[in-house]
Amino acid sequence: MSVTIKDIAKIAGVSHTTVSRALNGNPVIPQKTAGTIRDIASELGYLPSAAARGLKTRRSGVLGVLVSRIDNPYFGEIIQGIEDAIRNSGYSIFIASSSLDPQKEKNIVQAFGEHRVDGVIIGSVPVERGNLALLNQYGIPAVVINNQSARNQRYSISHDDEYGARQVTRHLIDLGHRRIAYLGNACAPRINDNRLRGVRVELESTGYVLDEKLTVNQPGGEIENGAAGMTAIFAAGIPFSAIFCFNDLMAVGALSVLQQNGLRVPADISITGFDNIPYSAYTNPPLTTYDQPKRSIGAEAASMLLELIRSTALSGTHSKPVNKMMHGELLVRKTTANCLKE
């Protein structure tokens, strides 16, 4: 059985109220008595009850984190950044994956409310408006990473995807590529639109136009979606010399299809990803990509949420809206080279 305050009180010869106050650092308890109580608690292996503490403080000490796929390495780095930021804050995190299922998402939001999480970080998920309203109804503050919802959020961290896509496209243009295909993710509409806009704007800035027949959107951003999209582009029979993939996972799938069709990368076709997940440095050849600062984004989101919780506790109202935009950098590896076709 677990050790209780009453067990400690019996050994120390004091009341359980005295034990509780000593363990919570109440200055009314003499230092010598408090020290003895802490020593006994340590020897017995006493663990304080977070639930009981929450009843007194009206804080659970838990932050909810909602993502679409826990197994996606992009979210893994985001979560690591959140962990980095809260390490010494006294908070822990409750991570849940919606799998882009609206009903599952609603259940998660309700679970966050039932567990009285102090705040929520939403990562690149197109959250249903009704579920956002539920969080507001529960009085739970939320920070959104790379907002995918239909409306703008008051507190958000975003990556400048249009800027990043322009950098990748400029790299391909400088290598002589003009017939650039785009392989996108229809399930992340805002991000997808911004990256596609970046490709289109950068091409147009140099007098070229993106061939819409070389733009293929898939119902997801996983490896299998990249393979299916690459197969669809081949089936269209329209010549191209380079392909910009929505993310690195899709690029991995597309790269596999290119190689299965006997095409050499980058001698025949250049290919780029986006995000710089750990796998991208170990593809064959290593993938040229755009390094989105994922850990920094996660850390910024957590810091913003902690400040929001703090300011709300002090004033009883939410602070002014805060929206931060971050930039990454191009990583040129071995999947891009000078165009020999055009």
Protein backbone atom coordinates (compact mmCIF):
# COMPACT_ATOMS: atom_id res chain seq x y z
CA MET A 1 0.00 0.00 0.00
CA SER A 2 1.12 3.57 -0.62
CA VAL A 3 2.39 5.69 2.25
CA THR A 4 -0.01 8.37 3.53
CA ILE A 5 0.36 11.54 5.56
CA LYS A 6 -1.22 9.70 8.49
CA ASP A 7 1.58 7.10 8.39
CA ILE A 8 4.19 9.86 8.59
CA ALA A 9 2.26 11.63 11.38
CA LYS A 10 2.14 8.44 13.47
CA ILE A 11 5.92 7.94 13.30
CA ALA A 12 6.70 11.63 13.83
CA GLY A 13 4.26 11.90 16.73
CA VAL A 14 2.46 14.92 15.27
CA SER A 15 -0.90 15.59 13.66
CA HIS A 16 -1.47 14.90 9.97
CA THR A 17 -2.20 18.64 9.57
CA THR A 18 1.31 19.40 10.81
CA VAL A 19 2.75 16.89 8.34
CA SER A 20 0.79 18.43 5.49
CA ARG A 21 1.96 21.92 6.36
CA ALA A 22 5.57 20.81 6.74
CA LEU A 23 5.64 19.04 3.39
CA ASN A 24 4.11 22.10 1.72
CA GLY A 25 6.74 24.43 3.21
CA ASN A 26 4.40 26.29 5.56
CA PRO A 27 6.60 28.65 7.65
CA VAL A 28 4.50 28.15 10.81
CA ILE A 29 6.12 24.73 11.28
CA PRO A 30 9.53 24.95 13.05
CA GLN A 31 12.44 24.12 10.77
CA LYS A 32 13.64 21.27 12.97
CA THR A 33 10.17 19.64 13.00
CA ALA A 34 9.73 20.18 9.26
CA GLY A 35 13.15 18.63 8.59
CA THR A 36 12.33 15.56 10.68
CA ILE A 37 9.01 15.12 8.86
CA ARG A 38 10.66 15.42 5.45
CA ASP A 39 13.28 12.85 6.43
CA ILE A 40 10.61 10.39 7.56
CA ALA A 41 8.64 10.98 4.34
CA SER A 42 11.76 10.30 2.27
CA GLU A 43 12.61 7.11 4.18
CA LEU A 44 9.08 5.78 3.75
CA GLY A 45 9.01 6.62 0.03
CA TYR A 46 6.10 9.02 0.38
CA LEU A 47 4.74 10.53 -2.86
CA PRO A 48 2.44 13.55 -2.58
CA SER A 49 -0.95 13.32 -4.28
CA ALA A 50 -1.18 15.62 -7.28
CA ALA A 51 -4.96 15.27 -7.20
CA ALA A 52 -5.15 16.37 -3.56
CA ARG A 53 -2.77 19.25 -4.20
CA GLY A 54 -4.90 20.28 -7.16
CA LEU A 55 -7.99 20.55 -4.97
CA LYS A 56 -6.18 23.14 -2.85
CA THR A 57 -4.45 25.09 -5.61
CA ARG A 58 -7.15 24.66 -8.26
CA ARG A 59 -4.29 23.69 -10.60
CA SER A 60 -3.65 20.20 -11.93
CA GLY A 61 -0.04 20.86 -12.91
CA VAL A 62 -0.78 19.22 -16.28
CA LEU A 63 -0.78 20.64 -19.82
CA GLY A 64 -2.67 18.89 -22.62
CA VAL A 65 -0.98 18.46 -26.00
CA LEU A 66 -3.11 17.53 -29.01
CA VAL A 67 -1.48 16.32 -32.26
CA SER A 68 -2.75 14.41 -35.27
CA ARG A 69 -0.18 11.57 -35.18
CA ILE A 70 2.12 10.73 -32.28
CA ASP A 71 4.22 8.51 -34.57
CA ASN A 72 5.02 11.42 -36.91
CA PRO A 73 8.63 12.51 -36.15
CA TYR A 74 7.67 16.14 -36.81
CA PHE A 75 5.45 16.09 -33.72
CA GLY A 76 8.08 14.19 -31.78
CA GLU A 77 10.43 17.17 -32.04
CA ILE A 78 7.64 19.63 -31.25
CA ILE A 79 6.86 17.64 -28.08
CA GLN A 80 10.55 17.53 -27.15
CA GLY A 81 10.61 21.33 -27.37
CA ILE A 82 7.58 21.52 -25.07
CA GLU A 83 9.32 19.19 -22.62
CA ASP A 84 12.43 21.38 -22.73
CA ALA A 85 10.42 24.48 -21.81
CA ILE A 86 8.45 22.98 -18.92
CA ARG A 87 11.29 20.93 -17.38
CA ASN A 88 11.66 23.14 -14.30
CA SER A 89 8.15 24.54 -14.21
CA GLY A 90 6.50 21.81 -12.13
CA TYR A 91 4.25 20.87 -15.06
CA SER A 92 3.87 17.56 -16.87
CA ILE A 93 2.11 16.91 -20.18
CA PHE A 94 -0.81 14.75 -21.26
CA ILE A 95 -0.32 13.88 -24.96
CA ALA A 96 -3.16 12.71 -27.19
CA SER A 97 -3.49 11.95 -30.90
CA SER A 98 -6.67 12.70 -32.84
CA SER A 99 -5.73 10.77 -36.02
CA LEU A 100 -7.71 13.58 -37.74
CA ASP A 101 -10.94 11.98 -36.45
CA PRO A 102 -13.40 14.71 -35.30
CA GLN A 103 -15.15 12.43 -32.79
CA LYS A 104 -11.86 11.25 -31.30
CA GLU A 105 -10.77 14.86 -31.12
CA LYS A 106 -13.95 15.78 -29.23
CA ASN A 107 -13.35 12.92 -26.77
CA ILE A 108 -9.80 14.18 -26.19
CA VAL A 109 -10.96 17.73 -25.55
CA GLN A 110 -13.55 16.42 -23.08
CA ALA A 111 -10.86 14.32 -21.38
CA PHE A 112 -8.68 17.42 -21.07
CA GLY A 113 -11.60 19.14 -19.35
CA GLU A 114 -12.34 16.19 -17.06
CA HIS A 115 -8.70 15.98 -15.99
CA ARG A 116 -8.68 19.73 -15.36
CA VAL A 117 -5.59 20.41 -17.47
CA ASP A 118 -4.34 23.94 -16.90
CA GLY A 119 -3.81 24.67 -20.58
CA VAL A 120 -3.65 23.04 -24.02
CA ILE A 121 -1.21 23.16 -26.92
CA ILE A 122 -2.74 22.23 -30.28
CA GLY A 123 -0.20 21.12 -32.88
CA SER A 124 -0.99 21.56 -36.58
CA VAL A 125 -4.44 20.01 -36.26
CA PRO A 126 -7.57 21.46 -37.96
CA VAL A 127 -9.58 21.47 -34.71
CA GLU A 128 -13.36 21.59 -35.06
CA ARG A 129 -14.86 24.94 -34.06
CA GLY A 130 -17.16 23.21 -31.57
CA ASN A 131 -14.19 21.63 -29.82
CA LEU A 132 -12.43 24.98 -29.55
CA ALA A 133 -15.64 26.33 -28.03
CA LEU A 134 -15.56 23.45 -25.52
CA LEU A 135 -12.07 24.44 -24.36
CA ASN A 136 -13.28 28.00 -23.94
CA GLN A 137 -16.33 26.77 -22.04
CA TYR A 138 -14.09 24.80 -19.69
CA GLY A 139 -11.98 27.92 -19.16
CA ILE A 140 -8.86 26.21 -20.51
CA PRO A 141 -6.42 28.53 -22.34
CA ALA A 142 -4.97 27.21 -25.60
CA VAL A 143 -1.96 27.96 -27.78
CA VAL A 144 -2.02 26.76 -31.38
CA ILE A 145 1.02 25.69 -33.38
CA ASN A 146 0.73 26.27 -37.15
CA ASN A 147 -2.98 27.00 -36.95
CA GLN A 148 -5.07 24.77 -39.23
CA SER A 149 -8.51 25.87 -38.00
CA ALA A 150 -10.91 27.94 -40.07
CA ARG A 151 -10.43 31.04 -37.94
CA ASN A 152 -7.42 32.81 -36.49
CA GLN A 153 -6.43 32.01 -32.91
CA ARG A 154 -5.62 34.52 -30.17
CA TYR A 155 -2.43 32.75 -29.10
CA SER A 156 -0.34 31.00 -31.73
CA ILE A 157 3.13 30.07 -32.93
CA SER A 158 3.53 29.75 -36.68
CA HIS A 159 6.26 28.88 -39.12
CA ASP A 160 6.52 31.10 -42.21
CA ASP A 161 5.81 28.37 -44.74
CA GLU A 162 5.48 30.66 -47.74
CA TYR A 163 8.92 32.13 -47.05
CA GLY A 164 10.38 28.65 -46.59
CA ALA A 165 8.82 27.37 -49.80
CA ARG A 166 10.22 30.34 -51.70
CA GLN A 167 13.72 29.52 -50.44
CA VAL A 168 13.41 25.91 -51.58
CA THR A 169 11.98 26.95 -54.95
CA ARG A 170 14.70 29.57 -55.45
CA HIS A 171 17.29 26.85 -54.85
CA LEU A 172 15.72 24.73 -57.60
CA ILE A 173 15.46 27.70 -59.98
CA ASP A 174 19.12 28.56 -59.39
CA LEU A 175 19.94 24.98 -60.43
CA GLY A 176 18.14 25.59 -63.72
CA HIS A 177 14.84 23.86 -62.94
CA ARG A 178 11.70 25.36 -64.48
CA ARG A 179 9.36 22.36 -64.71
CA ILE A 180 8.78 21.88 -60.98
CA ALA A 181 6.09 19.52 -59.71
CA TYR A 182 4.39 20.05 -56.34
CA LEU A 183 3.24 17.17 -54.15
CA GLY A 184 0.93 18.46 -51.43
CA ASN A 185 -1.19 17.45 -48.42
CA ALA A 186 -4.88 18.33 -48.65
CA CYS A 187 -5.41 17.49 -44.96
CA ALA A 188 -3.33 20.48 -43.86
CA PRO A 189 -5.02 23.15 -46.01
CA ARG A 190 -3.50 26.32 -44.55
CA ILE A 191 0.06 25.02 -44.50
CA ASN A 192 -0.36 23.40 -47.91
CA ASP A 193 -1.76 26.60 -49.44
CA ASN A 194 1.10 28.66 -48.00
CA ARG A 195 3.79 26.30 -49.29
CA LEU A 196 2.16 26.03 -52.70
CA ARG A 197 1.85 29.82 -52.83
CA GLY A 198 5.56 30.11 -52.08
CA VAL A 199 6.40 27.83 -55.02
CA ARG A 200 4.09 29.71 -57.35
CA VAL A 201 5.21 33.21 -56.30
CA GLU A 202 8.92 32.40 -56.56
CA LEU A 203 8.51 30.89 -60.03
CA GLU A 204 6.48 33.89 -61.19
CA SER A 205 9.09 36.29 -59.82
CA THR A 206 11.53 34.90 -62.39
CA GLY A 207 9.04 34.84 -65.26
CA TYR A 208 7.93 31.21 -65.03
CA VAL A 209 4.58 29.66 -64.20
CA LEU A 210 3.75 26.60 -62.14
CA ASP A 211 2.03 24.02 -64.35
CA GLU A 212 -1.16 23.20 -62.43
CA LYS A 213 -1.14 19.73 -64.03
CA LEU A 214 2.05 19.08 -62.06
CA THR A 215 0.33 19.91 -58.76
CA VAL A 216 -1.00 16.85 -56.96
CA ASN A 217 -2.56 16.92 -53.47
CA GLN A 218 -2.91 13.78 -51.40
CA PRO A 219 -5.26 13.04 -48.45
CA GLY A 220 -2.41 13.03 -45.94
CA GLY A 221 1.26 13.75 -45.45
CA GLU A 222 2.64 10.29 -44.76
CA ILE A 223 5.16 8.17 -46.68
CA GLU A 224 2.42 6.26 -48.46
CA ASN A 225 0.84 9.54 -49.61
CA GLY A 226 4.14 10.59 -51.10
CA ALA A 227 4.41 7.31 -52.99
CA ALA A 228 0.81 7.58 -54.26
CA GLY A 229 1.30 11.20 -55.31
CA MET A 230 4.51 10.45 -57.17
CA THR A 231 2.76 7.60 -58.98
CA ALA A 232 -0.06 9.98 -59.97
CA ILE A 233 2.40 12.53 -61.34
CA PHE A 234 4.05 9.83 -63.44
CA ALA A 235 0.63 8.74 -64.73
CA ALA A 236 -0.07 12.29 -65.97
CA GLY A 237 2.79 11.89 -68.45
CA ILE A 238 3.86 15.54 -68.17
CA PRO A 239 7.63 16.14 -68.13
CA PHE A 240 9.26 17.69 -65.04
CA SER A 241 12.81 17.95 -63.74
CA ALA A 242 12.24 18.56 -60.02
CA ILE A 243 9.61 17.89 -57.38
CA PHE A 244 8.87 19.87 -54.23
CA CYS A 245 7.24 17.67 -51.56
CA PHE A 246 5.01 19.05 -48.81
CA ASN A 247 7.15 17.39 -46.14
CA ASP A 248 10.01 14.95 -45.69
CA LEU A 249 7.78 11.93 -45.12
CA MET A 250 6.10 12.45 -48.49
CA ALA A 251 9.53 12.98 -50.05
CA VAL A 252 10.67 9.60 -48.71
CA GLY A 253 7.71 7.93 -50.45
CA ALA A 254 8.25 9.89 -53.66
CA LEU A 255 11.97 9.08 -53.67
CA SER A 256 11.19 5.38 -53.41
CA VAL A 257 8.87 5.52 -56.44
CA LEU A 258 11.42 7.47 -58.48
CA GLN A 259 14.06 4.86 -57.78
CA GLN A 260 11.69 1.98 -58.47
CA ASN A 261 11.07 3.51 -61.90
CA GLY A 262 14.78 3.52 -62.66
CA LEU A 263 15.28 7.27 -62.30
CA ARG A 264 18.47 8.57 -60.75
CA VAL A 265 18.23 11.21 -58.04
CA PRO A 266 19.45 13.86 -58.60
CA ALA A 267 20.94 13.12 -62.04
CA ASP A 268 17.51 12.64 -63.65
CA ILE A 269 15.13 14.23 -61.13
CA SER A 270 15.81 16.55 -58.21
CA ILE A 271 13.60 16.23 -55.12
CA THR A 272 13.14 18.30 -51.98
CA GLY A 273 11.29 17.82 -48.72
CA PHE A 274 10.29 20.21 -45.96
CA ASP A 275 10.63 20.14 -42.12
CA ASN A 276 14.01 18.36 -41.72
CA ILE A 277 12.90 15.36 -39.69
CA PRO A 278 15.79 13.12 -38.51
CA TYR A 279 15.15 10.54 -41.27
CA SER A 280 15.89 13.09 -43.99
CA ALA A 281 19.65 13.00 -43.40
CA TYR A 282 19.71 9.21 -43.90
CA THR A 283 17.75 8.68 -47.10
CA ASN A 284 19.72 7.51 -50.13
CA PRO A 285 20.80 10.06 -51.21
CA PRO A 286 20.36 12.41 -48.21
CA LEU A 287 17.38 14.71 -48.73
CA THR A 288 17.58 18.42 -49.48
CA THR A 289 14.96 19.99 -47.22
CA TYR A 290 13.91 23.06 -45.26
CA ASP A 291 14.78 23.01 -41.59
CA GLN A 292 11.70 24.10 -39.66
CA PRO A 293 12.83 24.91 -36.06
CA LYS A 294 10.46 22.38 -34.51
CA ARG A 295 11.95 22.18 -31.01
CA SER A 296 12.07 25.97 -30.79
CA ILE A 297 8.45 26.18 -31.94
CA GLY A 298 7.38 23.68 -29.28
CA ALA A 299 9.36 25.52 -26.60
CA GLU A 300 7.90 28.89 -27.61
CA ALA A 301 4.37 27.46 -27.52
CA ALA A 302 4.91 26.04 -24.02
CA SER A 303 6.44 29.28 -22.74
CA MET A 304 3.54 31.25 -24.19
CA LEU A 305 1.02 28.94 -22.54
CA LEU A 306 2.75 29.10 -19.14
CA GLU A 307 2.74 32.90 -19.32
CA LEU A 308 -0.93 32.85 -20.33
CA ILE A 309 -1.78 30.63 -17.34
CA ARG A 310 0.25 32.86 -15.02
CA SER A 311 -1.25 36.13 -16.23
CA THR A 312 -4.77 34.70 -16.07
CA ALA A 313 -4.20 33.56 -12.48
CA LEU A 314 -2.96 37.02 -11.48
CA SER A 315 -5.57 39.15 -13.23
CA GLY A 316 -8.46 36.74 -13.80
CA THR A 317 -8.51 37.63 -17.49
CA HIS A 318 -6.54 36.54 -20.55
CA SER A 319 -3.70 38.70 -21.78
CA LYS A 320 -3.66 40.44 -25.15
CA PRO A 321 -3.46 38.20 -28.24
CA VAL A 322 0.04 37.03 -29.13
CA ASN A 323 0.97 35.59 -32.53
CA LYS A 324 4.60 34.72 -33.27
CA MET A 325 6.07 33.82 -36.65
CA MET A 326 9.32 31.85 -36.92
CA HIS A 327 11.72 31.16 -39.80
CA GLY A 328 13.88 28.17 -40.65
CA GLU A 329 16.68 27.63 -43.15
CA LEU A 330 17.39 25.69 -46.33
CA LEU A 331 19.49 22.54 -45.97
CA VAL A 332 21.09 21.52 -49.27
CA ARG A 333 22.06 17.85 -49.33
CA LYS A 334 22.36 15.35 -52.19
CA THR A 335 18.90 15.06 -53.81
CA THR A 336 19.18 18.29 -55.84
CA ALA A 337 21.54 19.10 -58.71
CA ASN A 338 21.82 21.17 -61.86
CA CYS A 339 19.04 20.56 -64.37
CA LEU A 340 20.22 18.84 -67.56
CA LYS A 341 16.82 18.59 -69.26
CA GLU A 342 15.77 22.18 -69.91
